């Protein structure tokens, strides 16, 4: 097992490990360099584990083995990874920052120049000017007051450019613009499943749409609502996308790269972050990676190295098929399954949309030609099936699903959605039975269940609808962590020039590998996949083979473009 050699760390490396450490990060420090208070804290923590937690873990061998093996190994690998850091092409990223700032400014200018909103912005401006308290124009000695001159200067600036008055990033101001001035709307309360849901019926350029209110009951100004709010809404959606890249990724990456002693970015980690066991990121959050190719181009491997992604294919679907033995899932992912398109396969069996899909495609005898044809001819139907598949499994109701479909421009009746949703559970009846089984287990064990690989997980009574997702996602996360441990052990045994890049990200493991060792690493990756599957067969009796794919490139962008 890889362990930190604290004595060998340089002052710069030690500073990286201990940077901005808070009470929740004391595990980073050896007892020798901590204060007496912190020493006592560490000792008490160890005693708590040795005398309280560890004896309890022995009651659950899988839980004990998980923490003593993959979990602890993950922590050590993440510490090493944080010390090693990530190469960021800072000059190129600064160019991206400038480009994004310029783009955002141009988008805002386009917004303010729209004929459809200009009269309303003038009204907003005049209202704001009228609310400003006018100071006395003259002093007692007859001179013009400086405060009055400032007032006149401010008002002149506001009259010259409305951008000094209206903030397109303010929900309150956008609600005024869209819902009080631009588009007719009516507040409605919909009762569904004995629950009152506040919505706004908006007469937008795309047609009438019922949009759910915010948690505080206000009209929505979010990414789902904006496309319905005319040209102005579409422009603001573009602005939000560019602003997300700038503020969530570019600026944090630049900050932490330039703050570091060696000019690299040294991201932190939260182990775990999610209740399912998945990791989180911190300072900056490198567990959330953008899809913006301009930013991805700036994330680079070491010289003569490549970034390698080993990604599980539909991991949660395969896990669900194994734990539920649902006939529908086995038809798609079981040992006798043929290559198919899961969304068309499901859609062909759903009411309302199934008839049209079956005109071009036979779920029992799929061909590449028929799949391609059905994708082209039944895009709307396939989109509905896709949305149903990703939403229904984890407890979404008909009303929320209807809202999501409508927001995405799929005009469909609520009763139709309820019918489609029922059809989904008819197809995957085995999964529904397993949900009830988990509920019985949770009640019997008074608040906890075993996840897909047998690790105990507690679930609060206010999260019972998440039982199935906790079981499947938690098991999938554990398997990915075990996969990473197998790779790490094999890399160490072969002494390959390979180090974790992002050790555990969703359903994938990322390594940084020397180009001359790439072929051996890919072989190791396949061996780790085989070993993990052997364990699943022997320990769990699974039959739906887990599979991984790989991709690599000198930059994160090239990795994502790998074919």
Protein backbone atom coordinates (compact mmCIF):
# COMPACT_ATOMS: atom_id res chain seq x y z
CA UNK A 1 0.00 0.00 0.00
CA UNK A 2 1.31 3.46 -0.92
CA UNK A 3 1.94 5.57 2.18
CA UNK A 4 3.22 9.09 2.62
CA UNK A 5 6.84 9.41 3.66
CA UNK A 6 6.54 12.56 5.72
CA UNK A 7 10.28 12.78 6.43
CA UNK A 8 11.04 12.88 2.69
CA UNK A 9 8.68 15.78 1.94
CA UNK A 10 10.23 19.11 1.02
CA UNK A 11 8.92 22.27 2.67
CA UNK A 12 7.00 23.10 -0.52
CA UNK A 13 5.38 19.64 -0.63
CA UNK A 14 4.50 19.84 3.06
CA UNK A 15 2.94 23.26 2.47
CA UNK A 16 0.79 21.76 -0.29
CA UNK A 17 -0.49 18.98 1.96
CA UNK A 18 -1.17 21.30 4.87
CA UNK A 19 -2.44 24.31 2.89
CA UNK A 20 -5.43 25.92 4.50
CA UNK A 21 -6.02 22.79 6.59
CA UNK A 22 -9.00 23.02 8.90
CA UNK A 23 -10.21 20.82 11.72
CA UNK A 24 -11.74 18.39 9.27
CA UNK A 25 -8.39 17.84 7.56
CA UNK A 26 -6.24 16.96 10.57
CA UNK A 27 -5.73 13.50 9.14
CA UNK A 28 -3.25 15.14 6.73
CA UNK A 29 -0.82 15.91 9.57
CA UNK A 30 1.56 13.55 11.40
CA UNK A 31 1.18 13.77 15.17
CA UNK A 32 4.79 14.97 15.46
CA UNK A 33 4.02 18.39 13.96
CA UNK A 34 0.67 19.03 15.62
CA UNK A 35 -0.03 20.95 18.78
CA UNK A 36 -0.86 19.22 22.04
CA UNK A 37 -4.55 19.90 21.48
CA UNK A 38 -4.49 18.40 18.01
CA UNK A 39 -2.46 15.44 19.27
CA UNK A 40 -5.15 14.70 21.79
CA UNK A 41 -7.77 15.11 19.06
CA UNK A 42 -5.98 12.59 16.79
CA UNK A 43 -5.48 10.16 19.63
CA UNK A 44 -9.13 10.39 20.64
CA UNK A 45 -10.14 9.83 17.02
CA UNK A 46 -7.96 6.72 16.80
CA UNK A 47 -9.35 5.46 20.09
CA UNK A 48 -12.87 6.03 18.82
CA UNK A 49 -12.05 3.90 15.78
CA UNK A 50 -10.09 1.19 17.64
CA UNK A 51 -12.48 0.74 20.56
CA UNK A 52 -15.89 1.69 19.13
CA UNK A 53 -16.07 1.58 15.33
CA UNK A 54 -13.66 -1.22 14.45
CA UNK A 55 -15.31 -3.86 16.71
CA UNK A 56 -18.65 -2.96 15.13
CA UNK A 57 -17.18 -3.27 11.63
CA UNK A 58 -16.21 -6.87 12.38
CA UNK A 59 -19.90 -7.73 12.48
CA UNK A 60 -20.02 -6.89 8.77
CA UNK A 61 -17.07 -8.53 6.96
CA UNK A 62 -17.83 -6.78 3.66
CA UNK A 63 -17.96 -3.41 5.37
CA UNK A 64 -14.75 -4.09 7.26
CA UNK A 65 -12.90 -5.32 4.17
CA UNK A 66 -14.14 -2.33 2.16
CA UNK A 67 -12.74 0.18 4.65
CA UNK A 68 -9.51 -1.68 5.30
CA UNK A 69 -8.96 -2.20 1.56
CA UNK A 70 -10.34 -0.02 -1.27
CA UNK A 71 -11.42 2.90 0.91
CA UNK A 72 -8.11 3.35 2.75
CA UNK A 73 -6.19 2.72 -0.47
CA UNK A 74 -8.20 5.45 -2.15
CA UNK A 75 -7.30 7.93 0.58
CA UNK A 76 -3.58 7.21 0.22
CA UNK A 77 -3.72 7.50 -3.57
CA UNK A 78 -5.60 10.80 -3.34
CA UNK A 79 -3.03 12.22 -0.93
CA UNK A 80 -0.22 11.26 -3.30
CA UNK A 81 -2.22 12.69 -6.17
CA UNK A 82 -2.75 15.99 -4.37
CA UNK A 83 0.97 16.32 -3.74
CA UNK A 84 1.79 15.51 -7.38
CA UNK A 85 -0.78 18.02 -8.61
CA UNK A 86 -2.16 18.64 -12.07
CA UNK A 87 -0.41 20.51 -14.88
CA UNK A 88 -2.46 23.48 -16.03
CA UNK A 89 -1.39 25.45 -19.09
CA UNK A 90 -1.74 28.78 -17.28
CA UNK A 91 -0.97 31.10 -20.25
CA UNK A 92 -3.51 29.26 -22.41
CA UNK A 93 -6.08 29.26 -19.59
CA UNK A 94 -5.62 33.02 -19.17
CA UNK A 95 -6.39 33.38 -22.87
CA UNK A 96 -9.56 31.32 -22.30
CA UNK A 97 -10.46 33.62 -19.38
CA UNK A 98 -10.11 36.68 -21.62
CA UNK A 99 -12.12 34.99 -24.39
CA UNK A 100 -14.92 34.10 -21.97
CA UNK A 101 -15.02 37.61 -20.51
CA UNK A 102 -15.20 39.08 -24.02
CA UNK A 103 -17.92 36.61 -25.02
CA UNK A 104 -19.99 37.33 -21.93
CA UNK A 105 -19.68 41.07 -22.54
CA UNK A 106 -20.80 40.61 -26.17
CA UNK A 107 -23.75 38.46 -25.10
CA UNK A 108 -24.84 41.08 -22.55
CA UNK A 109 -24.58 43.78 -25.21
CA UNK A 110 -26.76 41.68 -27.52
CA UNK A 111 -29.29 41.31 -24.68
CA UNK A 112 -29.48 45.04 -23.97
CA UNK A 113 -29.88 45.89 -27.66
CA UNK A 114 -32.96 43.70 -28.18
CA UNK A 115 -35.88 45.75 -29.44
CA UNK A 116 -38.34 43.61 -27.47
CA UNK A 117 -36.86 44.49 -24.09
CA UNK A 118 -35.48 48.03 -24.61
CA UNK A 119 -38.72 49.88 -23.60
CA UNK A 120 -38.93 47.81 -20.41
CA UNK A 121 -35.31 48.53 -19.52
CA UNK A 122 -35.93 52.25 -20.00
CA UNK A 123 -38.90 51.96 -17.65
CA UNK A 124 -36.76 50.08 -15.12
CA UNK A 125 -34.06 52.74 -15.43
CA UNK A 126 -36.47 55.62 -14.92
CA UNK A 127 -37.97 53.85 -11.90
CA UNK A 128 -34.53 53.41 -10.36
CA UNK A 129 -33.62 57.05 -11.02
CA UNK A 130 -36.87 58.20 -9.41
CA UNK A 131 -36.01 56.23 -6.26
CA UNK A 132 -32.69 57.99 -5.77
CA UNK A 133 -32.84 60.67 -3.10
CA UNK A 134 -31.90 63.99 -4.67
CA UNK A 135 -29.41 65.90 -2.50
CA UNK A 136 -29.51 69.66 -2.02
CA UNK A 137 -28.15 71.42 -5.10
CA UNK A 138 -26.38 74.27 -3.30
CA UNK A 139 -24.42 74.73 -0.13
CA UNK A 140 -25.18 77.58 2.27
CA UNK A 141 -22.48 79.65 0.65
CA UNK A 142 -24.13 79.30 -2.74
CA UNK A 143 -21.65 76.83 -4.19
CA UNK A 144 -22.91 73.73 -5.99
CA UNK A 145 -22.89 70.72 -3.65
CA UNK A 146 -20.40 67.95 -4.44
CA UNK A 147 -23.09 65.36 -3.58
CA UNK A 148 -25.39 67.00 -6.12
CA UNK A 149 -22.69 66.87 -8.78
CA UNK A 150 -22.16 63.17 -8.03
CA UNK A 151 -25.91 62.63 -8.27
CA UNK A 152 -26.07 64.34 -11.67
CA UNK A 153 -23.09 62.34 -12.89
CA UNK A 154 -24.67 59.08 -11.74
CA UNK A 155 -28.04 59.88 -13.35
CA UNK A 156 -26.37 60.92 -16.60
CA UNK A 157 -24.47 57.65 -16.66
CA UNK A 158 -27.67 55.69 -16.04
CA UNK A 159 -29.51 57.53 -18.84
CA UNK A 160 -26.61 56.94 -21.21
CA UNK A 161 -26.43 53.17 -20.69
CA UNK A 162 -29.19 50.98 -19.22
CA UNK A 163 -26.59 48.38 -18.27
CA UNK A 164 -25.73 50.52 -15.27
CA UNK A 165 -29.29 49.98 -14.02
CA UNK A 166 -30.41 46.48 -14.97
CA UNK A 167 -28.57 43.35 -13.81
CA UNK A 168 -29.25 40.30 -16.05
CA UNK A 169 -27.84 38.10 -13.30
CA UNK A 170 -30.54 39.12 -10.83
CA UNK A 171 -33.48 36.72 -10.57
CA UNK A 172 -35.64 39.43 -9.04
CA UNK A 173 -35.05 41.83 -11.93
CA UNK A 174 -35.52 39.11 -14.56
CA UNK A 175 -38.78 38.06 -12.92
CA UNK A 176 -39.95 41.66 -13.20
CA UNK A 177 -38.91 41.81 -16.87
CA UNK A 178 -40.37 38.52 -18.07
CA UNK A 179 -43.36 37.96 -15.81
CA UNK A 180 -44.53 41.50 -15.03
CA UNK A 181 -43.78 43.19 -18.33
CA UNK A 182 -43.18 40.84 -21.26
CA UNK A 183 -45.28 37.69 -21.08
CA UNK A 184 -48.79 37.11 -19.84
CA UNK A 185 -48.87 34.55 -17.08
CA UNK A 186 -51.20 33.21 -14.47
CA UNK A 187 -50.42 31.56 -11.18
CA UNK A 188 -51.96 28.09 -10.89
CA UNK A 189 -51.97 25.47 -8.15
CA UNK A 190 -51.96 21.91 -9.45
CA UNK A 191 -52.98 19.09 -7.13
CA UNK A 192 -51.28 15.84 -7.98
CA UNK A 193 -51.13 12.79 -5.71
CA UNK A 194 -52.66 14.86 -2.88
CA UNK A 195 -49.87 17.44 -3.16
CA UNK A 196 -50.36 21.09 -4.12
CA UNK A 197 -47.78 22.35 -6.62
CA UNK A 198 -47.53 26.05 -7.47
CA UNK A 199 -46.94 26.76 -11.16
CA UNK A 200 -47.10 29.65 -13.63
CA UNK A 201 -48.96 29.32 -16.90
CA UNK A 202 -46.87 31.43 -19.30
CA UNK A 203 -47.93 32.47 -22.79
CA UNK A 204 -44.48 32.44 -24.36
CA UNK A 205 -43.36 32.75 -28.01
CA UNK A 206 -42.98 28.96 -28.11
CA UNK A 207 -46.52 28.44 -26.88
CA UNK A 208 -48.28 28.00 -23.57
CA UNK A 209 -46.18 26.33 -20.89
CA UNK A 210 -46.83 25.48 -17.24
CA UNK A 211 -43.61 26.17 -15.34
CA UNK A 212 -43.16 25.11 -11.70
CA UNK A 213 -42.54 27.91 -9.21
CA UNK A 214 -39.35 28.28 -7.22
CA UNK A 215 -39.19 26.94 -3.66
CA UNK A 216 -40.27 30.38 -2.44
CA UNK A 217 -43.25 30.40 -4.83
CA UNK A 218 -41.77 32.88 -7.32
CA UNK A 219 -41.83 32.58 -11.13
CA UNK A 220 -38.85 30.48 -12.30
CA UNK A 221 -35.72 31.95 -13.89
CA UNK A 222 -33.61 28.85 -14.46
CA UNK A 223 -32.06 26.92 -17.33
CA UNK A 224 -35.30 25.06 -18.00
CA UNK A 225 -37.47 28.17 -18.00
CA UNK A 226 -35.20 30.51 -20.00
CA UNK A 227 -35.65 28.80 -23.43
CA UNK A 228 -39.38 29.55 -23.18
CA UNK A 229 -38.83 33.26 -22.53
CA UNK A 230 -38.15 34.45 -26.06
CA UNK A 231 -34.93 35.64 -27.63
CA UNK A 232 -33.90 37.35 -24.40
CA UNK A 233 -34.20 34.08 -22.49
CA UNK A 234 -32.14 32.21 -25.08
CA UNK A 235 -29.41 34.86 -24.89
CA UNK A 236 -29.33 34.67 -21.09
CA UNK A 237 -29.02 30.87 -21.32
CA UNK A 238 -25.90 31.33 -23.47
CA UNK A 239 -24.58 33.83 -20.98
CA UNK A 240 -25.15 31.43 -18.09
CA UNK A 241 -23.25 28.66 -19.90
CA UNK A 242 -20.23 30.88 -20.56
CA UNK A 243 -20.35 32.29 -17.03
CA UNK A 244 -20.37 28.77 -15.57
CA UNK A 245 -17.17 27.90 -17.44
CA UNK A 246 -15.57 31.13 -16.26
CA UNK A 247 -16.53 31.14 -12.59
CA UNK A 248 -16.71 27.41 -11.84
CA UNK A 249 -13.64 26.21 -13.69
CA UNK A 250 -11.34 28.81 -15.26
CA UNK A 251 -10.96 31.22 -12.37
CA UNK A 252 -10.62 28.54 -9.64
CA UNK A 253 -8.11 26.61 -11.76
CA UNK A 254 -6.10 29.79 -12.32
CA UNK A 255 -6.29 30.81 -8.69
CA UNK A 256 -5.08 27.51 -7.30
CA UNK A 257 -2.45 27.08 -10.02
CA UNK A 258 -0.92 30.50 -9.41
CA UNK A 259 -1.24 30.19 -5.62
CA UNK A 260 0.72 26.91 -5.54
CA UNK A 261 4.45 27.06 -4.90
CA UNK A 262 5.26 25.02 -8.02
CA UNK A 263 2.68 26.62 -10.33
CA UNK A 264 0.54 23.48 -10.51
CA UNK A 265 -3.02 22.96 -9.38
CA UNK A 266 -3.28 20.75 -6.30
CA UNK A 267 -6.98 19.89 -5.95
CA UNK A 268 -8.40 18.63 -2.71
CA UNK A 269 -10.82 15.77 -2.11
CA UNK A 270 -13.69 14.88 0.17
CA UNK A 271 -13.75 11.17 0.98
CA UNK A 272 -16.60 10.49 0.67
CA UNK A 273 -18.84 13.39 -0.34
CA UNK A 274 -22.09 11.71 -1.43
CA UNK A 275 -24.09 9.33 0.73
CA UNK A 276 -23.49 6.62 -1.88
CA UNK A 277 -19.73 6.79 -1.24
CA UNK A 278 -18.71 8.86 -4.25
CA UNK A 279 -15.90 11.35 -3.79
CA UNK A 280 -16.22 15.11 -3.75
CA UNK A 281 -13.76 17.84 -4.64
CA UNK A 282 -12.47 20.89 -2.84
CA UNK A 283 -10.19 23.86 -3.50
CA UNK A 284 -10.84 23.50 -6.44
CA UNK A 285 -13.48 20.87 -7.14
CA UNK A 286 -11.75 18.56 -9.63
CA UNK A 287 -14.52 15.99 -9.24
CA UNK A 288 -16.67 18.27 -11.38
CA UNK A 289 -15.02 18.64 -14.78
CA UNK A 290 -16.39 20.92 -17.47
CA UNK A 291 -17.32 19.84 -20.97
CA UNK A 292 -15.96 23.13 -22.37
CA UNK A 293 -13.22 22.05 -24.79
CA UNK A 294 -11.41 25.37 -24.41
CA UNK A 295 -10.83 24.58 -20.74
CA UNK A 296 -10.12 20.88 -21.33
CA UNK A 297 -7.31 21.84 -23.72
CA UNK A 298 -5.54 23.50 -20.76
CA UNK A 299 -5.45 20.34 -18.61
CA UNK A 300 -2.30 18.47 -19.63
CA UNK A 301 -0.37 15.32 -18.89
CA UNK A 302 3.28 15.35 -17.84
CA UNK A 303 5.76 15.48 -20.75
CA UNK A 304 5.92 12.11 -22.57
CA UNK A 305 2.79 10.98 -20.72
CA UNK A 306 -0.87 10.59 -21.66
CA UNK A 307 -4.07 10.81 -19.63
CA UNK A 308 -5.93 7.48 -19.69
CA UNK A 309 -9.62 7.02 -18.91
CA UNK A 310 -10.96 3.60 -17.90
CA UNK A 311 -14.74 3.98 -17.85
CA UNK A 312 -17.39 1.42 -16.97
CA UNK A 313 -20.07 1.03 -19.62
CA UNK A 314 -23.54 1.71 -18.18
CA UNK A 315 -22.31 0.60 -14.75
CA UNK A 316 -25.50 1.30 -12.82
CA UNK A 317 -27.63 -0.49 -15.42
CA UNK A 318 -25.45 -3.60 -15.23
CA UNK A 319 -25.42 -3.47 -11.42
CA UNK A 320 -29.23 -3.12 -11.37
CA UNK A 321 -29.59 -6.06 -13.76
CA UNK A 322 -27.45 -8.24 -11.50
CA UNK A 323 -29.12 -7.39 -8.20
CA UNK A 324 -32.73 -7.45 -9.45
CA UNK A 325 -32.67 -10.20 -12.11
CA UNK A 326 -35.32 -8.06 -13.80
CA UNK A 327 -36.29 -9.72 -17.15
CA UNK A 328 -36.34 -6.32 -18.86
CA UNK A 329 -32.83 -5.45 -17.69
CA UNK A 330 -31.53 -8.93 -18.49
CA UNK A 331 -32.85 -8.57 -22.03
CA UNK A 332 -30.58 -5.54 -22.45
CA UNK A 333 -27.58 -6.40 -20.27
CA UNK A 334 -27.78 -10.13 -19.58
CA UNK A 335 -25.37 -12.79 -20.90
CA UNK A 336 -27.63 -13.53 -23.89
CA UNK A 337 -28.35 -9.89 -24.76
CA UNK A 338 -27.70 -8.75 -28.34
CA UNK A 339 -26.35 -5.33 -29.30
CA UNK A 340 -29.23 -2.91 -29.15
CA UNK A 341 -30.33 0.66 -28.48
CA UNK A 342 -31.78 0.70 -24.99
CA UNK A 343 -33.93 3.80 -25.50
CA UNK A 344 -35.56 2.45 -28.65
CA UNK A 345 -35.95 -0.97 -27.01
CA UNK A 346 -37.81 0.59 -24.08
CA UNK A 347 -39.79 3.06 -26.19
CA UNK A 348 -41.05 0.29 -28.48
CA UNK A 349 -42.84 -1.23 -25.45
CA UNK A 350 -44.30 1.98 -24.03
CA UNK A 351 -47.88 3.10 -24.67
CA UNK A 352 -48.51 6.13 -26.89
CA UNK A 353 -45.00 6.27 -28.40
CA UNK A 354 -44.41 2.56 -29.04
CA UNK A 355 -46.52 2.22 -32.19
CA UNK A 356 -44.44 4.70 -34.16
CA UNK A 357 -41.08 3.25 -33.05
CA UNK A 358 -42.20 -0.25 -34.06
CA UNK A 359 -42.84 1.01 -37.58
CA UNK A 360 -39.07 1.20 -38.12
CA UNK A 361 -37.54 -1.08 -35.50
CA UNK A 362 -38.01 -4.59 -34.06
CA UNK A 363 -36.74 -4.82 -30.49
CA UNK A 364 -36.26 -8.59 -30.74
CA UNK A 365 -34.39 -8.46 -34.06
CA UNK A 366 -32.48 -5.16 -34.08
CA UNK A 367 -30.12 -4.32 -36.92
CA UNK A 368 -27.76 -1.38 -37.33
CA UNK A 369 -29.86 -0.16 -40.22
CA UNK A 370 -33.16 -0.33 -38.34
CA UNK A 371 -31.66 1.39 -35.28
CA UNK A 372 -30.25 4.20 -37.43
CA UNK A 373 -33.58 4.59 -39.23
CA UNK A 374 -35.61 4.64 -36.01
CA UNK A 375 -33.29 7.20 -34.43
CA UNK A 376 -33.83 9.50 -37.41
CA UNK A 377 -37.59 9.00 -37.74
CA UNK A 378 -38.53 8.78 -34.04
CA UNK A 379 -36.35 11.39 -32.38
CA UNK A 380 -39.15 12.78 -30.23
CA UNK A 381 -40.30 9.32 -29.14
CA UNK A 382 -36.73 8.23 -28.36
CA UNK A 383 -36.14 11.42 -26.37
CA UNK A 384 -39.24 10.67 -24.28
CA UNK A 385 -38.09 7.10 -23.70
CA UNK A 386 -34.61 8.34 -22.73
CA UNK A 387 -36.01 10.86 -20.27
CA UNK A 388 -38.36 8.29 -18.77
CA UNK A 389 -35.55 5.77 -18.38
CA UNK A 390 -33.19 8.14 -16.59
CA UNK A 391 -35.90 9.64 -14.39
CA UNK A 392 -38.26 6.83 -13.43
CA UNK A 393 -35.64 4.45 -12.07
CA UNK A 394 -34.82 6.82 -9.25
CA UNK A 395 -38.31 7.76 -8.16
CA UNK A 396 -39.49 10.69 -10.27
CA UNK A 397 -43.27 11.12 -10.40
CA UNK A 398 -45.46 11.71 -13.43
CA UNK A 399 -45.93 15.43 -12.72
CA UNK A 400 -42.21 16.19 -12.38
CA UNK A 401 -41.45 14.10 -15.45
CA UNK A 402 -44.15 15.94 -17.38
CA UNK A 403 -42.63 19.27 -16.33
CA UNK A 404 -39.16 18.16 -17.46
CA UNK A 405 -40.45 16.98 -20.82
CA UNK A 406 -42.44 20.16 -21.40
CA UNK A 407 -39.46 22.33 -20.44
CA UNK A 408 -37.39 20.51 -23.04
CA UNK A 409 -39.96 21.31 -25.72
CA UNK A 410 -41.72 17.94 -25.79
CA UNK A 411 -45.43 18.82 -25.81
CA UNK A 412 -47.25 15.99 -24.07
CA UNK A 413 -50.29 15.68 -21.79
CA UNK A 414 -49.87 14.89 -18.09
CA UNK A 415 -52.19 11.89 -18.33
CA UNK A 416 -50.10 10.59 -21.23
CA UNK A 417 -46.93 10.86 -19.16
CA UNK A 418 -48.58 8.95 -16.32
CA UNK A 419 -49.56 6.23 -18.81
CA UNK A 420 -46.01 6.08 -20.21
CA UNK A 421 -44.57 5.92 -16.71
CA UNK A 422 -46.84 3.00 -15.85
CA UNK A 423 -45.69 1.29 -19.04
CA UNK A 424 -42.08 1.72 -17.91
CA UNK A 425 -42.74 -0.18 -14.69
CA UNK A 426 -44.56 -2.88 -16.62
CA UNK A 427 -41.40 -3.40 -18.69
CA UNK A 428 -39.14 -3.34 -15.64
CA UNK A 429 -41.43 -5.08 -13.17
CA UNK A 430 -38.51 -6.96 -11.62
CA UNK A 431 -36.89 -3.68 -10.66
CA UNK A 432 -40.10 -2.48 -9.06
CA UNK A 433 -40.33 -5.69 -7.00
CA UNK A 434 -36.76 -5.15 -5.82
CA UNK A 435 -37.69 -1.66 -4.65
CA UNK A 436 -40.38 -3.14 -2.41
CA UNK A 437 -37.90 -5.75 -1.23
CA UNK A 438 -35.47 -3.01 -0.18
CA UNK A 439 -38.29 -1.23 1.68
CA UNK A 440 -39.03 -4.42 3.64
CA UNK A 441 -35.32 -4.86 4.38
CA UNK A 442 -35.05 -1.26 5.56
CA UNK A 443 -37.97 -1.69 7.94
CA UNK A 444 -36.70 -5.02 9.22
CA UNK A 445 -33.21 -3.67 9.90
CA UNK A 446 -34.60 -0.42 11.36
CA UNK A 447 -32.97 2.06 9.04
CA UNK A 448 -30.30 0.41 6.91
CA UNK A 449 -29.90 -1.87 3.91
CA UNK A 450 -27.14 -3.74 2.13
CA UNK A 451 -26.07 -2.10 -1.10
CA UNK A 452 -25.49 -4.00 -4.35
CA UNK A 453 -22.19 -5.57 -3.23
CA UNK A 454 -23.19 -6.16 0.38
CA UNK A 455 -21.93 -3.04 2.15
CA UNK A 456 -24.35 -1.75 4.82
CA UNK A 457 -25.79 1.71 4.15
CA UNK A 458 -28.03 3.77 6.41
CA UNK A 459 -30.98 5.60 4.84
CA UNK A 460 -33.02 8.25 6.63
CA UNK A 461 -36.79 7.82 6.67
CA UNK A 462 -37.13 11.03 4.60
CA UNK A 463 -35.11 9.43 1.80
CA UNK A 464 -37.01 6.18 1.34
CA UNK A 465 -37.67 6.98 -2.32
CA UNK A 466 -33.87 6.85 -2.77
CA UNK A 467 -33.49 3.27 -1.47
CA UNK A 468 -32.96 1.80 -4.92
CA UNK A 469 -30.51 4.50 -6.04
CA UNK A 470 -28.54 4.17 -2.78
CA UNK A 471 -28.34 0.42 -3.34
CA UNK A 472 -27.29 0.59 -7.00
CA UNK A 473 -25.22 3.77 -7.03
CA UNK A 474 -23.50 2.86 -3.77
CA UNK A 475 -22.62 -0.58 -5.11
CA UNK A 476 -21.39 0.90 -8.39
CA UNK A 477 -19.21 3.41 -6.56
CA UNK A 478 -17.71 0.63 -4.42
CA UNK A 479 -16.93 -1.45 -7.50
CA UNK A 480 -15.18 1.48 -9.14
CA UNK A 481 -13.13 1.97 -5.98
CA UNK A 482 -12.19 -1.72 -5.99
CA UNK A 483 -11.29 -1.42 -9.67
CA UNK A 484 -8.94 1.45 -8.82
CA UNK A 485 -7.30 -0.58 -6.05
CA UNK A 486 -6.70 -3.50 -8.43
CA UNK A 487 -5.11 -1.19 -11.00
CA UNK A 488 -2.95 0.51 -8.35
CA UNK A 489 -1.67 -2.83 -7.04
CA UNK A 490 -0.80 -4.05 -10.53
CA UNK A 491 0.88 -0.76 -11.48
CA UNK A 492 3.02 -0.98 -8.34
CA UNK A 493 3.90 -4.65 -8.98
CA UNK A 494 4.97 -3.91 -12.57
CA UNK A 495 6.69 -0.65 -11.52
CA UNK A 496 5.05 1.18 -14.38
CA UNK A 497 5.52 4.90 -14.84
CA UNK A 498 1.85 5.53 -14.09
CA UNK A 499 0.19 7.59 -11.38
CA UNK A 500 -3.45 8.41 -10.61
CA UNK A 501 -4.70 11.56 -12.30
CA UNK A 502 -8.26 11.45 -10.99
CA UNK A 503 -8.28 8.22 -9.05
CA UNK A 504 -12.05 7.91 -8.88
CA UNK A 505 -14.49 10.01 -10.93
CA UNK A 506 -18.08 8.78 -11.16
CA UNK A 507 -17.80 5.45 -13.04
CA UNK A 508 -14.21 5.87 -14.23
CA UNK A 509 -10.57 5.77 -13.13
CA UNK A 510 -8.05 8.18 -14.64
CA UNK A 511 -4.30 7.59 -14.75
CA UNK A 512 -1.34 9.47 -16.13
CA UNK A 513 0.85 6.98 -18.00
CA UNK A 514 4.22 7.25 -19.73
CA UNK A 515 3.77 6.68 -23.46
CA UNK A 516 6.26 3.79 -23.43
CA UNK A 517 4.25 2.03 -20.70
CA UNK A 518 0.82 2.66 -22.24
CA UNK A 519 0.44 -0.79 -23.79
CA UNK A 520 1.32 -2.51 -20.51
CA UNK A 521 -1.04 -0.24 -18.61
CA UNK A 522 -3.95 -1.06 -20.91
CA UNK A 523 -3.20 -4.75 -20.38
CA UNK A 524 -3.21 -4.17 -16.64
CA UNK A 525 -6.52 -2.34 -16.93
CA UNK A 526 -8.03 -5.36 -18.67
CA UNK A 527 -6.61 -7.73 -16.05
CA UNK A 528 -8.11 -5.57 -13.28
CA UNK A 529 -11.48 -5.64 -15.03
CA UNK A 530 -11.28 -9.45 -15.32
CA UNK A 531 -10.26 -9.84 -11.66
CA UNK A 532 -13.11 -7.60 -10.51
CA UNK A 533 -15.59 -9.59 -12.56
CA UNK A 534 -14.25 -12.87 -11.15
CA UNK A 535 -14.86 -11.46 -7.68
CA UNK A 536 -18.42 -10.47 -8.63
CA UNK A 537 -19.11 -13.97 -9.92
CA UNK A 538 -17.58 -15.80 -6.96
CA UNK A 539 -18.80 -13.54 -4.15
CA UNK A 540 -22.09 -12.27 -5.55
CA UNK A 541 -23.09 -14.82 -8.19
CA UNK A 542 -23.56 -12.17 -10.87
CA UNK A 543 -24.12 -13.07 -14.52
CA UNK A 544 -24.29 -9.69 -16.37
CA UNK A 545 -20.65 -9.02 -17.28
CA UNK A 546 -19.28 -5.61 -16.29
CA UNK A 547 -17.32 -3.95 -19.07
CA UNK A 548 -14.99 -0.98 -19.37
CA UNK A 549 -13.79 1.13 -22.27
CA UNK A 550 -10.66 3.25 -22.47
CA UNK A 551 -9.50 6.50 -24.05
CA UNK A 552 -6.27 8.48 -23.86
CA UNK A 553 -4.66 11.74 -24.97
CA UNK A 554 -1.97 14.29 -24.11
CA UNK A 555 -4.63 16.76 -22.96
CA UNK A 556 -8.05 16.26 -21.45
CA UNK A 557 -9.56 17.56 -24.66
CA UNK A 558 -7.76 14.97 -26.80
CA UNK A 559 -8.76 12.27 -24.32
CA UNK A 560 -12.44 13.18 -24.75
CA UNK A 561 -12.07 13.26 -28.53
CA UNK A 562 -10.42 9.82 -28.59
CA UNK A 563 -12.12 7.35 -30.90
